[in-house]
Amino acid sequence: MNIMAIGAHPDDIELGCGGLLLKSAREGHNVYMYTLTRGGASGDPKQRSDELKRSAQFIGAKQLWIDNFEDSKLTVTSELINHIEHFVNKANPDLIITHSHGDLHHDHRAVATATVEATRFNSNILSYEIPLTRDFDPKIFYDISDVIYEKVELIEIFWSQHRKLYLRANAIKGLAEYRALQSRLNTGVNFVEAFEVVKICFDKDFGLLTIPYERIKNQNTVNSLDQVLEFVDQKHQQDATMKKL
């Protein structure tokens, strides 16, 4: 399965669905990450981008793209929508995970709205939460009990943001423990990531249904691709090369 996570800033994806991505990559699924800004409003963009690259490596992501939109000034424009759609087409995801429409941060809300427009032809879309998200209405619960300490370690990669209370281990574990209680899952499920459903399609066997569509390839609508940073996991590159041989 191809899974694509989209975030406004470095650390958003990791906070929202880091546990799911860690487990997915280990199970052999292809994880793609796309971040719209480099976090310049809360630190040095280069440092934060480097942290994001290390986190993608820690997760085992197949590919990471870091765009160059201005932090704290994201709005729902055709440019934002077109950039998201461009990278969604590159990842060809079966499942897309992005911000919640009810998030506190306006950048997060802009990405959530733009993602829904950009992924109008995609079949399966979920929204994640971070410890600061309000008005979140969880519908899907995913057990991350076996990787909760690795999720904490993943967030600790973003050392430049260590003063933020919601990135601390007690905040990460506290939210996951609260969602585990809400889920009413079996004993042993102590930590959970929760998701809202934007759209889910099932096939006849109740697996995720991915509907093929003809992608619109209009490169003229996507600007500044030369400014996008890209990280490709070397292991995936080697595996792809061996398959060609």
C-alpha atoms as a PDB file:
ATOM      1  CA  MET A   1       0.000   0.000   0.000  1.00  0.00           C
ATOM      2  CA  ASN A   2       1.116   3.564  -0.707  1.00  0.00           C
ATOM      3  CA  ILE A   3       0.472   5.902   2.235  1.00  0.00           C
ATOM      4  CA  MET A   4       0.971   9.658   1.901  1.00  0.00           C
ATOM      5  CA  ALA A   5       1.084  12.033   4.888  1.00  0.00           C
ATOM      6  CA  ILE A   6       0.775  15.786   4.342  1.00  0.00           C
ATOM      7  CA  GLY A   7       1.695  18.492   6.853  1.00  0.00           C
ATOM      8  CA  ALA A   8       2.016  22.258   6.986  1.00  0.00           C
ATOM      9  CA  HIS A   9       5.220  22.349   9.082  1.00  0.00           C
ATOM     10  CA  PRO A  10       8.103  20.101  10.098  1.00  0.00           C
ATOM     11  CA  ASP A  11       6.902  17.872  13.004  1.00  0.00           C
ATOM     12  CA  ASP A  12       3.165  18.058  12.118  1.00  0.00           C
ATOM     13  CA  ILE A  13       3.088  14.688  10.362  1.00  0.00           C
ATOM     14  CA  GLU A  14       5.152  13.046  13.077  1.00  0.00           C
ATOM     15  CA  LEU A  15       2.893  14.362  15.837  1.00  0.00           C
ATOM     16  CA  GLY A  16      -0.282  13.414  14.009  1.00  0.00           C
ATOM     17  CA  CYS A  17       0.455   9.990  12.582  1.00  0.00           C
ATOM     18  CA  GLY A  18       4.075   9.151  13.392  1.00  0.00           C
ATOM     19  CA  GLY A  19       3.129   5.892  15.070  1.00  0.00           C
ATOM     20  CA  LEU A  20       1.037   4.711  12.125  1.00  0.00           C
ATOM     21  CA  LEU A  21       3.818   5.594   9.685  1.00  0.00           C
ATOM     22  CA  LEU A  22       6.470   3.800  11.743  1.00  0.00           C
ATOM     23  CA  LYS A  23       4.402   0.618  11.810  1.00  0.00           C
ATOM     24  CA  SER A  24       3.393   0.918   8.143  1.00  0.00           C
ATOM     25  CA  ALA A  25       6.978   1.207   6.916  1.00  0.00           C
ATOM     26  CA  ARG A  26       8.002  -1.815   8.998  1.00  0.00           C
ATOM     27  CA  GLU A  27       5.187  -3.863   7.467  1.00  0.00           C
ATOM     28  CA  GLY A  28       6.528  -3.102   3.998  1.00  0.00           C
ATOM     29  CA  HIS A  29       4.149  -0.340   2.957  1.00  0.00           C
ATOM     30  CA  ASN A  30       5.463   2.647   0.998  1.00  0.00           C
ATOM     31  CA  VAL A  31       5.371   5.834   3.072  1.00  0.00           C
ATOM     32  CA  TYR A  32       5.512   9.234   1.377  1.00  0.00           C
ATOM     33  CA  MET A  33       5.737  12.556   3.239  1.00  0.00           C
ATOM     34  CA  TYR A  34       5.044  16.050   1.911  1.00  0.00           C
ATOM     35  CA  THR A  35       5.521  19.189   4.034  1.00  0.00           C
ATOM     36  CA  LEU A  36       4.433  22.571   2.693  1.00  0.00           C
ATOM     37  CA  THR A  37       6.742  24.910   4.660  1.00  0.00           C
ATOM     38  CA  ARG A  38      10.154  24.764   6.310  1.00  0.00           C
ATOM     39  CA  GLY A  39       8.978  26.169   9.627  1.00  0.00           C
ATOM     40  CA  GLY A  40      10.704  29.544   9.368  1.00  0.00           C
ATOM     41  CA  ALA A  41       8.263  31.236  11.761  1.00  0.00           C
ATOM     42  CA  SER A  42       9.473  29.033  14.634  1.00  0.00           C
ATOM     43  CA  GLY A  43      13.144  28.533  13.910  1.00  0.00           C
ATOM     44  CA  ASP A  44      15.849  28.210  11.313  1.00  0.00           C
ATOM     45  CA  PRO A  45      14.375  26.730   8.091  1.00  0.00           C
ATOM     46  CA  LYS A  46      17.536  24.788   7.262  1.00  0.00           C
ATOM     47  CA  GLN A  47      17.755  23.237  10.715  1.00  0.00           C
ATOM     48  CA  ARG A  48      14.081  22.334  10.695  1.00  0.00           C
ATOM     49  CA  SER A  49      14.384  20.833   7.202  1.00  0.00           C
ATOM     50  CA  ASP A  50      17.365  18.764   8.346  1.00  0.00           C
ATOM     51  CA  GLU A  51      15.326  17.528  11.309  1.00  0.00           C
ATOM     52  CA  LEU A  52      12.524  16.595   8.945  1.00  0.00           C
ATOM     53  CA  LYS A  53      14.907  14.598   6.761  1.00  0.00           C
ATOM     54  CA  ARG A  54      16.174  12.721   9.810  1.00  0.00           C
ATOM     55  CA  SER A  55      12.626  11.964  10.890  1.00  0.00           C
ATOM     56  CA  ALA A  56      11.764  10.569   7.439  1.00  0.00           C
ATOM     57  CA  GLN A  57      14.815   8.331   7.682  1.00  0.00           C
ATOM     58  CA  PHE A  58      13.816   7.227  11.194  1.00  0.00           C
ATOM     59  CA  ILE A  59      10.316   6.353   9.964  1.00  0.00           C
ATOM     60  CA  GLY A  60      11.647   4.547   6.908  1.00  0.00           C
ATOM     61  CA  ALA A  61       9.774   6.738   4.438  1.00  0.00           C
ATOM     62  CA  LYS A  62      10.340   5.969   0.792  1.00  0.00           C
ATOM     63  CA  GLN A  63      10.287   9.641  -0.161  1.00  0.00           C
ATOM     64  CA  LEU A  64      10.035  13.070   1.453  1.00  0.00           C
ATOM     65  CA  TRP A  65       9.284  16.371  -0.270  1.00  0.00           C
ATOM     66  CA  ILE A  66       9.764  19.707   1.529  1.00  0.00           C
ATOM     67  CA  ASP A  67       8.128  22.625  -0.263  1.00  0.00           C
ATOM     68  CA  ASN A  68       8.943  26.295   0.246  1.00  0.00           C
ATOM     69  CA  PHE A  69       5.664  28.060   1.042  1.00  0.00           C
ATOM     70  CA  GLU A  70       5.936  30.786   3.687  1.00  0.00           C
ATOM     71  CA  ASP A  71       5.294  29.588   7.221  1.00  0.00           C
ATOM     72  CA  SER A  72       2.251  31.127   8.982  1.00  0.00           C
ATOM     73  CA  LYS A  73       0.922  32.609   5.717  1.00  0.00           C
ATOM     74  CA  LEU A  74      -0.728  29.634   4.045  1.00  0.00           C
ATOM     75  CA  THR A  75      -4.082  30.322   2.408  1.00  0.00           C
ATOM     76  CA  VAL A  76      -6.278  28.222   0.156  1.00  0.00           C
ATOM     77  CA  THR A  77      -5.106  29.300  -3.292  1.00  0.00           C
ATOM     78  CA  SER A  78      -4.870  27.547  -6.638  1.00  0.00           C
ATOM     79  CA  GLU A  79      -1.084  27.463  -6.173  1.00  0.00           C
ATOM     80  CA  LEU A  80      -1.372  25.587  -2.864  1.00  0.00           C
ATOM     81  CA  ILE A  81      -3.938  23.160  -4.297  1.00  0.00           C
ATOM     82  CA  ASN A  82      -1.894  22.536  -7.440  1.00  0.00           C
ATOM     83  CA  HIS A  83       1.301  21.831  -5.493  1.00  0.00           C
ATOM     84  CA  ILE A  84      -0.460  19.319  -3.259  1.00  0.00           C
ATOM     85  CA  GLU A  85      -2.077  17.656  -6.261  1.00  0.00           C
ATOM     86  CA  HIS A  86       1.279  17.450  -8.059  1.00  0.00           C
ATOM     87  CA  PHE A  87       2.928  15.508  -5.237  1.00  0.00           C
ATOM     88  CA  VAL A  88      -0.132  13.366  -4.584  1.00  0.00           C
ATOM     89  CA  ASN A  89       0.090  12.290  -8.222  1.00  0.00           C
ATOM     90  CA  LYS A  90       3.771  11.447  -7.772  1.00  0.00           C
ATOM     91  CA  ALA A  91       3.052   9.282  -4.721  1.00  0.00           C
ATOM     92  CA  ASN A  92      -0.070   7.631  -6.189  1.00  0.00           C
ATOM     93  CA  PRO A  93      -1.371   6.930  -2.656  1.00  0.00           C
ATOM     94  CA  ASP A  94      -3.987   4.420  -1.582  1.00  0.00           C
ATOM     95  CA  LEU A  95      -4.415   6.387   1.654  1.00  0.00           C
ATOM     96  CA  ILE A  96      -3.840  10.089   2.338  1.00  0.00           C
ATOM     97  CA  ILE A  97      -3.538  11.519   5.862  1.00  0.00           C
ATOM     98  CA  THR A  98      -3.628  15.281   6.444  1.00  0.00           C
ATOM     99  CA  HIS A  99      -4.625  17.985   8.939  1.00  0.00           C
ATOM    100  CA  SER A 100      -8.057  18.342  10.498  1.00  0.00           C
ATOM    101  CA  HIS A 101     -10.433  21.050   9.275  1.00  0.00           C
ATOM    102  CA  GLY A 102     -11.077  22.018  12.885  1.00  0.00           C
ATOM    103  CA  ASP A 103      -7.435  22.577  13.778  1.00  0.00           C
ATOM    104  CA  LEU A 104      -6.389  25.573  15.844  1.00  0.00           C
ATOM    105  CA  HIS A 105      -3.630  26.773  13.459  1.00  0.00           C
ATOM    106  CA  HIS A 106      -4.766  28.594  10.300  1.00  0.00           C
ATOM    107  CA  ASP A 107      -1.923  26.999   8.285  1.00  0.00           C
ATOM    108  CA  HIS A 108      -3.246  23.579   9.268  1.00  0.00           C
ATOM    109  CA  ARG A 109      -6.802  24.472   8.282  1.00  0.00           C
ATOM    110  CA  ALA A 110      -5.603  25.824   4.931  1.00  0.00           C
ATOM    111  CA  VAL A 111      -3.719  22.602   4.180  1.00  0.00           C
ATOM    112  CA  ALA A 112      -6.726  20.503   5.219  1.00  0.00           C
ATOM    113  CA  THR A 113      -9.066  22.386   2.885  1.00  0.00           C
ATOM    114  CA  ALA A 114      -6.588  22.493  -0.011  1.00  0.00           C
ATOM    115  CA  THR A 115      -5.873  18.771   0.359  1.00  0.00           C
ATOM    116  CA  VAL A 116      -9.565  17.878  -0.011  1.00  0.00           C
ATOM    117  CA  GLU A 117      -9.687  19.828  -3.276  1.00  0.00           C
ATOM    118  CA  ALA A 118      -6.354  18.462  -4.513  1.00  0.00           C
ATOM    119  CA  THR A 119      -7.360  14.868  -3.730  1.00  0.00           C
ATOM    120  CA  ARG A 120     -10.885  15.022  -5.154  1.00  0.00           C
ATOM    121  CA  PHE A 121     -10.143  11.953  -7.326  1.00  0.00           C
ATOM    122  CA  ASN A 122      -8.591   9.938  -4.481  1.00  0.00           C
ATOM    123  CA  SER A 123     -10.594   7.334  -2.596  1.00  0.00           C
ATOM    124  CA  ASN A 124      -9.332   7.349   1.003  1.00  0.00           C
ATOM    125  CA  ILE A 125      -8.529  10.403   3.115  1.00  0.00           C
ATOM    126  CA  LEU A 126      -8.115  10.708   6.887  1.00  0.00           C
ATOM    127  CA  SER A 127      -7.337  13.659   9.166  1.00  0.00           C
ATOM    128  CA  TYR A 128      -4.928  13.473  12.102  1.00  0.00           C
ATOM    129  CA  GLU A 129      -4.690  15.513  15.279  1.00  0.00           C
ATOM    130  CA  ILE A 130      -1.821  17.001  17.256  1.00  0.00           C
ATOM    131  CA  PRO A 131      -1.937  17.786  20.996  1.00  0.00           C
ATOM    132  CA  LEU A 132      -3.175  21.343  20.286  1.00  0.00           C
ATOM    133  CA  THR A 133      -6.014  20.339  17.924  1.00  0.00           C
ATOM    134  CA  ARG A 134      -9.497  21.384  19.045  1.00  0.00           C
ATOM    135  CA  ASP A 135     -12.948  20.239  17.916  1.00  0.00           C
ATOM    136  CA  PHE A 136     -11.561  16.890  16.788  1.00  0.00           C
ATOM    137  CA  ASP A 137     -14.131  14.144  16.174  1.00  0.00           C
ATOM    138  CA  PRO A 138     -12.270  10.799  16.058  1.00  0.00           C
ATOM    139  CA  LYS A 139     -13.827   7.945  14.087  1.00  0.00           C
ATOM    140  CA  ILE A 140     -10.876   5.612  13.500  1.00  0.00           C
ATOM    141  CA  PHE A 141      -8.520   4.384  16.233  1.00  0.00           C
ATOM    142  CA  TYR A 142      -5.136   2.807  15.522  1.00  0.00           C
ATOM    143  CA  ASP A 143      -3.131   0.967  18.181  1.00  0.00           C
ATOM    144  CA  ILE A 144       0.416   2.330  18.539  1.00  0.00           C
ATOM    145  CA  SER A 145       1.165   0.773  21.935  1.00  0.00           C
ATOM    146  CA  ASP A 146       4.140  -1.141  20.544  1.00  0.00           C
ATOM    147  CA  VAL A 147       5.784   1.978  19.080  1.00  0.00           C
ATOM    148  CA  ILE A 148       4.799   4.729  21.524  1.00  0.00           C
ATOM    149  CA  TYR A 149       8.339   5.140  22.858  1.00  0.00           C
ATOM    150  CA  GLU A 150       9.683   5.244  19.325  1.00  0.00           C
ATOM    151  CA  LYS A 151       7.138   7.928  18.497  1.00  0.00           C
ATOM    152  CA  VAL A 152       8.471   9.946  21.418  1.00  0.00           C
ATOM    153  CA  GLU A 153      11.996   9.369  20.116  1.00  0.00           C
ATOM    154  CA  LEU A 154      10.821  10.463  16.662  1.00  0.00           C
ATOM    155  CA  ILE A 155       9.474  13.763  18.026  1.00  0.00           C
ATOM    156  CA  GLU A 156      12.705  14.319  19.943  1.00  0.00           C
ATOM    157  CA  ILE A 157      14.477  14.607  16.579  1.00  0.00           C
ATOM    158  CA  PHE A 158      12.921  18.079  16.354  1.00  0.00           C
ATOM    159  CA  TRP A 159      15.266  19.434  18.995  1.00  0.00           C
ATOM    160  CA  SER A 160      14.927  23.020  17.744  1.00  0.00           C
ATOM    161  CA  GLN A 161      11.337  22.981  19.071  1.00  0.00           C
ATOM    162  CA  HIS A 162      12.054  21.386  22.447  1.00  0.00           C
ATOM    163  CA  ARG A 163      10.696  24.356  24.392  1.00  0.00           C
ATOM    164  CA  LYS A 164       7.172  23.766  23.066  1.00  0.00           C
ATOM    165  CA  LEU A 165       5.179  21.955  25.749  1.00  0.00           C
ATOM    166  CA  TYR A 166       3.037  19.984  23.296  1.00  0.00           C
ATOM    167  CA  LEU A 167       6.127  18.248  21.852  1.00  0.00           C
ATOM    168  CA  ARG A 168       7.107  16.808  25.210  1.00  0.00           C
ATOM    169  CA  ALA A 169       6.789  13.108  25.923  1.00  0.00           C
ATOM    170  CA  ASN A 170       3.978  13.543  28.474  1.00  0.00           C
ATOM    171  CA  ALA A 171       1.854  15.452  25.936  1.00  0.00           C
ATOM    172  CA  ILE A 172       2.393  12.861  23.200  1.00  0.00           C
ATOM    173  CA  LYS A 173       1.763   9.896  25.489  1.00  0.00           C
ATOM    174  CA  GLY A 174      -1.106  11.625  27.294  1.00  0.00           C
ATOM    175  CA  LEU A 175      -3.099  12.246  24.123  1.00  0.00           C
ATOM    176  CA  ALA A 176      -2.454   8.710  22.870  1.00  0.00           C
ATOM    177  CA  GLU A 177      -3.514   7.245  26.229  1.00  0.00           C
ATOM    178  CA  TYR A 178      -6.690   9.353  26.273  1.00  0.00           C
ATOM    179  CA  ARG A 179      -7.641   8.144  22.772  1.00  0.00           C
ATOM    180  CA  ALA A 180      -6.961   4.553  23.850  1.00  0.00           C
ATOM    181  CA  LEU A 181      -9.478   4.976  26.680  1.00  0.00           C
ATOM    182  CA  GLN A 182     -12.015   6.441  24.251  1.00  0.00           C
ATOM    183  CA  SER A 183     -11.540   3.603  21.782  1.00  0.00           C
ATOM    184  CA  ARG A 184     -12.624   0.955  24.317  1.00  0.00           C
ATOM    185  CA  LEU A 185     -10.294  -1.539  22.640  1.00  0.00           C
ATOM    186  CA  ASN A 186      -9.037  -4.649  24.396  1.00  0.00           C
ATOM    187  CA  THR A 187      -6.702  -4.717  27.384  1.00  0.00           C
ATOM    188  CA  GLY A 188      -3.163  -4.122  26.215  1.00  0.00           C
ATOM    189  CA  VAL A 189      -4.120  -1.290  23.888  1.00  0.00           C
ATOM    190  CA  ASN A 190      -2.694   1.562  25.932  1.00  0.00           C
ATOM    191  CA  PHE A 191      -1.789   4.127  23.286  1.00  0.00           C
ATOM    192  CA  VAL A 192      -3.772   5.039  20.182  1.00  0.00           C
ATOM    193  CA  GLU A 193      -3.642   7.509  17.304  1.00  0.00           C
ATOM    194  CA  ALA A 194      -7.092   8.744  16.319  1.00  0.00           C
ATOM    195  CA  PHE A 195      -8.316   9.969  12.941  1.00  0.00           C
ATOM    196  CA  GLU A 196     -11.292  11.724  11.439  1.00  0.00           C
ATOM    197  CA  VAL A 197     -12.742  10.331   8.216  1.00  0.00           C
ATOM    198  CA  VAL A 198     -12.845  12.660   5.227  1.00  0.00           C
ATOM    199  CA  LYS A 199     -13.575   9.873   2.747  1.00  0.00           C
ATOM    200  CA  ILE A 200     -13.193   6.086   2.824  1.00  0.00           C
ATOM    201  CA  CYS A 201     -14.111   3.625   0.061  1.00  0.00           C
ATOM    202  CA  PHE A 202     -14.273  -0.154   0.535  1.00  0.00           C
ATOM    203  CA  ASP A 203     -13.989  -2.918  -2.023  1.00  0.00           C
ATOM    204  CA  LYS A 204     -16.125  -6.088  -1.962  1.00  0.00           C
ATOM    205  CA  ASP A 205     -13.804  -7.655   0.632  1.00  0.00           C
ATOM    206  CA  PHE A 206     -13.959  -4.526   2.801  1.00  0.00           C
ATOM    207  CA  GLY A 207     -10.378  -3.561   2.032  1.00  0.00           C
ATOM    208  CA  LEU A 208      -9.526  -0.032   0.992  1.00  0.00           C
ATOM    209  CA  LEU A 209     -10.678   0.637  -2.551  1.00  0.00           C
ATOM    210  CA  THR A 210      -8.437   2.711  -4.794  1.00  0.00           C
ATOM    211  CA  ILE A 211     -10.146   3.920  -7.937  1.00  0.00           C
ATOM    212  CA  PRO A 212      -7.796   4.496 -10.893  1.00  0.00           C
ATOM    213  CA  TYR A 213      -8.171   7.792 -12.684  1.00  0.00           C
ATOM    214  CA  GLU A 214      -6.437   9.667 -15.455  1.00  0.00           C
ATOM    215  CA  ARG A 215      -4.208  12.229 -13.804  1.00  0.00           C
ATOM    216  CA  ILE A 216      -4.245  15.776 -15.105  1.00  0.00           C
ATOM    217  CA  LYS A 217      -0.646  16.648 -15.938  1.00  0.00           C
ATOM    218  CA  ASN A 218      -0.568  20.411 -16.285  1.00  0.00           C
ATOM    219  CA  GLN A 219       2.934  21.403 -15.236  1.00  0.00           C
ATOM    220  CA  ASN A 220       2.242  25.060 -16.045  1.00  0.00           C
ATOM    221  CA  THR A 221       0.021  25.306 -12.953  1.00  0.00           C
ATOM    222  CA  VAL A 222       2.818  24.247 -10.579  1.00  0.00           C
ATOM    223  CA  ASN A 223       5.452  26.880  -9.835  1.00  0.00           C
ATOM    224  CA  SER A 224       8.821  26.808  -8.091  1.00  0.00           C
ATOM    225  CA  LEU A 225       9.354  23.059  -8.159  1.00  0.00           C
ATOM    226  CA  ASP A 226      13.075  23.747  -8.367  1.00  0.00           C
ATOM    227  CA  GLN A 227      12.866  25.002  -4.751  1.00  0.00           C
ATOM    228  CA  VAL A 228      11.422  21.752  -3.404  1.00  0.00           C
ATOM    229  CA  LEU A 229      13.804  19.685  -1.278  1.00  0.00           C
ATOM    230  CA  GLU A 230      13.650  15.939  -1.836  1.00  0.00           C
ATOM    231  CA  PHE A 231      14.845  13.039   0.285  1.00  0.00           C
ATOM    232  CA  VAL A 232      14.802   9.505  -1.146  1.00  0.00           C
ATOM    233  CA  ASP A 233      15.492   6.530   1.094  1.00  0.00           C
ATOM    234  CA  GLN A 234      18.603   4.764  -0.174  1.00  0.00           C
ATOM    235  CA  LYS A 235      17.277   1.302   0.680  1.00  0.00           C
ATOM    236  CA  HIS A 236      14.228   1.849  -1.524  1.00  0.00           C
ATOM    237  CA  GLN A 237      16.471   3.085  -4.331  1.00  0.00           C
ATOM    238  CA  GLN A 238      18.635  -0.032  -4.066  1.00  0.00           C
ATOM    239  CA  ASP A 239      15.573  -2.307  -4.002  1.00  0.00           C
ATOM    240  CA  ALA A 240      14.170  -0.602  -7.106  1.00  0.00           C
ATOM    241  CA  THR A 241      17.513  -0.994  -8.903  1.00  0.00           C
ATOM    242  CA  MET A 242      17.685  -4.713  -8.053  1.00  0.00           C
ATOM    243  CA  LYS A 243      14.145  -5.238  -9.376  1.00  0.00           C
ATOM    244  CA  LYS A 244      15.113  -3.639 -12.699  1.00  0.00           C
ATOM    245  CA  LEU A 245      18.119  -5.960 -12.948  1.00  0.00           C
END
